[in-house]
Amino acid sequence: VCDYIAGMTDRYALGVYAYLFLPKPWSVR
């Protein structure tokens, strides 16, 4: 997993991290 993330661009890695791990206000009820 670390090697996979290391192979990403910073922008893409941060985007994936945010998508997977950050709470989404519009999905919280």
PDB file of N, CA and C in Angstrom:
ATOM      1  N   VAL A   1       0.849  -1.202   0.000  1.00  0.00           N
ATOM      2  CA  VAL A   1       0.000   0.000   0.000  1.00  0.00           C
ATOM      3  C   VAL A   1       0.881   1.247   0.000  1.00  0.00           C
ATOM      4  N   CYS A   2       1.907   1.262   0.819  1.00  0.00           N
ATOM      5  CA  CYS A   2       2.794   2.432   0.894  1.00  0.00           C
ATOM      6  C   CYS A   2       3.464   2.684  -0.453  1.00  0.00           C
ATOM      7  N   ASP A   3       3.920   1.615  -1.106  1.00  0.00           N
ATOM      8  CA  ASP A   3       4.561   1.778  -2.414  1.00  0.00           C
ATOM      9  C   ASP A   3       3.551   2.304  -3.429  1.00  0.00           C
ATOM     10  N   TYR A   4       2.313   1.838  -3.334  1.00  0.00           N
ATOM     11  CA  TYR A   4       1.271   2.288  -4.252  1.00  0.00           C
ATOM     12  C   TYR A   4       1.023   3.781  -4.078  1.00  0.00           C
ATOM     13  N   ILE A   5       0.903   4.212  -2.827  1.00  0.00           N
ATOM     14  CA  ILE A   5       0.664   5.627  -2.549  1.00  0.00           C
ATOM     15  C   ILE A   5       1.871   6.459  -2.966  1.00  0.00           C
ATOM     16  N   ALA A   6       3.067   5.936  -2.733  1.00  0.00           N
ATOM     17  CA  ALA A   6       4.279   6.668  -3.077  1.00  0.00           C
ATOM     18  C   ALA A   6       4.369   6.892  -4.583  1.00  0.00           C
ATOM     19  N   GLY A   7       3.764   6.011  -5.352  1.00  0.00           N
ATOM     20  CA  GLY A   7       3.803   6.137  -6.804  1.00  0.00           C
ATOM     21  C   GLY A   7       2.801   7.150  -7.335  1.00  0.00           C
ATOM     22  N   MET A   8       1.920   7.644  -6.480  1.00  0.00           N
ATOM     23  CA  MET A   8       0.918   8.613  -6.914  1.00  0.00           C
ATOM     24  C   MET A   8       1.497  10.021  -6.896  1.00  0.00           C
ATOM     25  N   THR A   9       0.809  10.917  -7.561  1.00  0.00           N
ATOM     26  CA  THR A   9       1.141  12.328  -7.393  1.00  0.00           C
ATOM     27  C   THR A   9       0.564  12.783  -6.059  1.00  0.00           C
ATOM     28  N   ASP A  10       1.120  13.845  -5.497  1.00  0.00           N
ATOM     29  CA  ASP A  10       0.636  14.319  -4.202  1.00  0.00           C
ATOM     30  C   ASP A  10      -0.833  14.707  -4.283  1.00  0.00           C
ATOM     31  N   ARG A  11      -1.208  15.383  -5.366  1.00  0.00           N
ATOM     32  CA  ARG A  11      -2.587  15.831  -5.499  1.00  0.00           C
ATOM     33  C   ARG A  11      -3.534  14.642  -5.526  1.00  0.00           C
ATOM     34  N   TYR A  12      -3.203  13.626  -6.324  1.00  0.00           N
ATOM     35  CA  TYR A  12      -4.078  12.459  -6.438  1.00  0.00           C
ATOM     36  C   TYR A  12      -4.143  11.705  -5.117  1.00  0.00           C
ATOM     37  N   ALA A  13      -2.986  11.563  -4.457  1.00  0.00           N
ATOM     38  CA  ALA A  13      -2.945  10.851  -3.180  1.00  0.00           C
ATOM     39  C   ALA A  13      -3.805  11.568  -2.139  1.00  0.00           C
ATOM     40  N   LEU A  14      -3.678  12.892  -2.079  1.00  0.00           N
ATOM     41  CA  LEU A  14      -4.479  13.650  -1.125  1.00  0.00           C
ATOM     42  C   LEU A  14      -5.962  13.553  -1.475  1.00  0.00           C
ATOM     43  N   GLY A  15      -6.270  13.574  -2.767  1.00  0.00           N
ATOM     44  CA  GLY A  15      -7.662  13.462  -3.188  1.00  0.00           C
ATOM     45  C   GLY A  15      -8.252  12.124  -2.779  1.00  0.00           C
ATOM     46  N   VAL A  16      -7.499  11.050  -2.979  1.00  0.00           N
ATOM     47  CA  VAL A  16      -7.970   9.716  -2.597  1.00  0.00           C
ATOM     48  C   VAL A  16      -8.102   9.616  -1.084  1.00  0.00           C
ATOM     49  N   TYR A  17      -7.128  10.147  -0.363  1.00  0.00           N
ATOM     50  CA  TYR A  17      -7.175  10.110   1.100  1.00  0.00           C
ATOM     51  C   TYR A  17      -8.406  10.854   1.601  1.00  0.00           C
ATOM     52  N   ALA A  18      -8.642  12.040   1.059  1.00  0.00           N
ATOM     53  CA  ALA A  18      -9.786  12.831   1.484  1.00  0.00           C
ATOM     54  C   ALA A  18     -11.079  12.090   1.166  1.00  0.00           C
ATOM     55  N   TYR A  19     -11.144  11.470  -0.025  1.00  0.00           N
ATOM     56  CA  TYR A  19     -12.351  10.760  -0.448  1.00  0.00           C
ATOM     57  C   TYR A  19     -12.633   9.574   0.465  1.00  0.00           C
ATOM     58  N   LEU A  20     -11.576   8.877   0.878  1.00  0.00           N
ATOM     59  CA  LEU A  20     -11.767   7.657   1.657  1.00  0.00           C
ATOM     60  C   LEU A  20     -11.944   7.924   3.148  1.00  0.00           C
ATOM     61  N   PHE A  21     -11.218   8.909   3.694  1.00  0.00           N
ATOM     62  CA  PHE A  21     -11.120   9.023   5.147  1.00  0.00           C
ATOM     63  C   PHE A  21     -11.767  10.263   5.754  1.00  0.00           C
ATOM     64  N   LEU A  22     -11.926  11.331   4.973  1.00  0.00           N
ATOM     65  CA  LEU A  22     -12.504  12.527   5.565  1.00  0.00           C
ATOM     66  C   LEU A  22     -14.028  12.446   5.548  1.00  0.00           C
ATOM     67  N   PRO A  23     -14.676  12.922   6.615  1.00  0.00           N
ATOM     68  CA  PRO A  23     -16.142  12.912   6.669  1.00  0.00           C
ATOM     69  C   PRO A  23     -16.724  13.826   5.598  1.00  0.00           C
ATOM     70  N   LYS A  24     -17.866  13.425   5.043  1.00  0.00           N
ATOM     71  CA  LYS A  24     -18.503  14.211   3.992  1.00  0.00           C
ATOM     72  C   LYS A  24     -19.753  14.880   4.573  1.00  0.00           C
ATOM     73  N   PRO A  25     -19.703  16.184   4.768  1.00  0.00           N
ATOM     74  CA  PRO A  25     -20.836  16.893   5.401  1.00  0.00           C
ATOM     75  C   PRO A  25     -22.145  16.643   4.678  1.00  0.00           C
ATOM     76  N   TRP A  26     -22.103  16.482   3.348  1.00  0.00           N
ATOM     77  CA  TRP A  26     -23.339  16.325   2.601  1.00  0.00           C
ATOM     78  C   TRP A  26     -23.900  14.910   2.713  1.00  0.00           C
ATOM     79  N   SER A  27     -23.145  13.978   3.339  1.00  0.00           N
ATOM     80  CA  SER A  27     -23.637  12.616   3.484  1.00  0.00           C
ATOM     81  C   SER A  27     -24.024  12.328   4.933  1.00  0.00           C
ATOM     82  N   VAL A  28     -23.787  13.303   5.824  1.00  0.00           N
ATOM     83  CA  VAL A  28     -24.124  13.110   7.235  1.00  0.00           C
ATOM     84  C   VAL A  28     -25.532  13.611   7.482  1.00  0.00           C
ATOM     85  N   ARG A  29     -26.319  12.797   8.198  1.00  0.00           N
ATOM     86  CA  ARG A  29     -27.691  13.213   8.485  1.00  0.00           C
ATOM     87  C   ARG A  29     -27.909  13.267   9.986  1.00  0.00           C
TER      88      ARG A  29
END
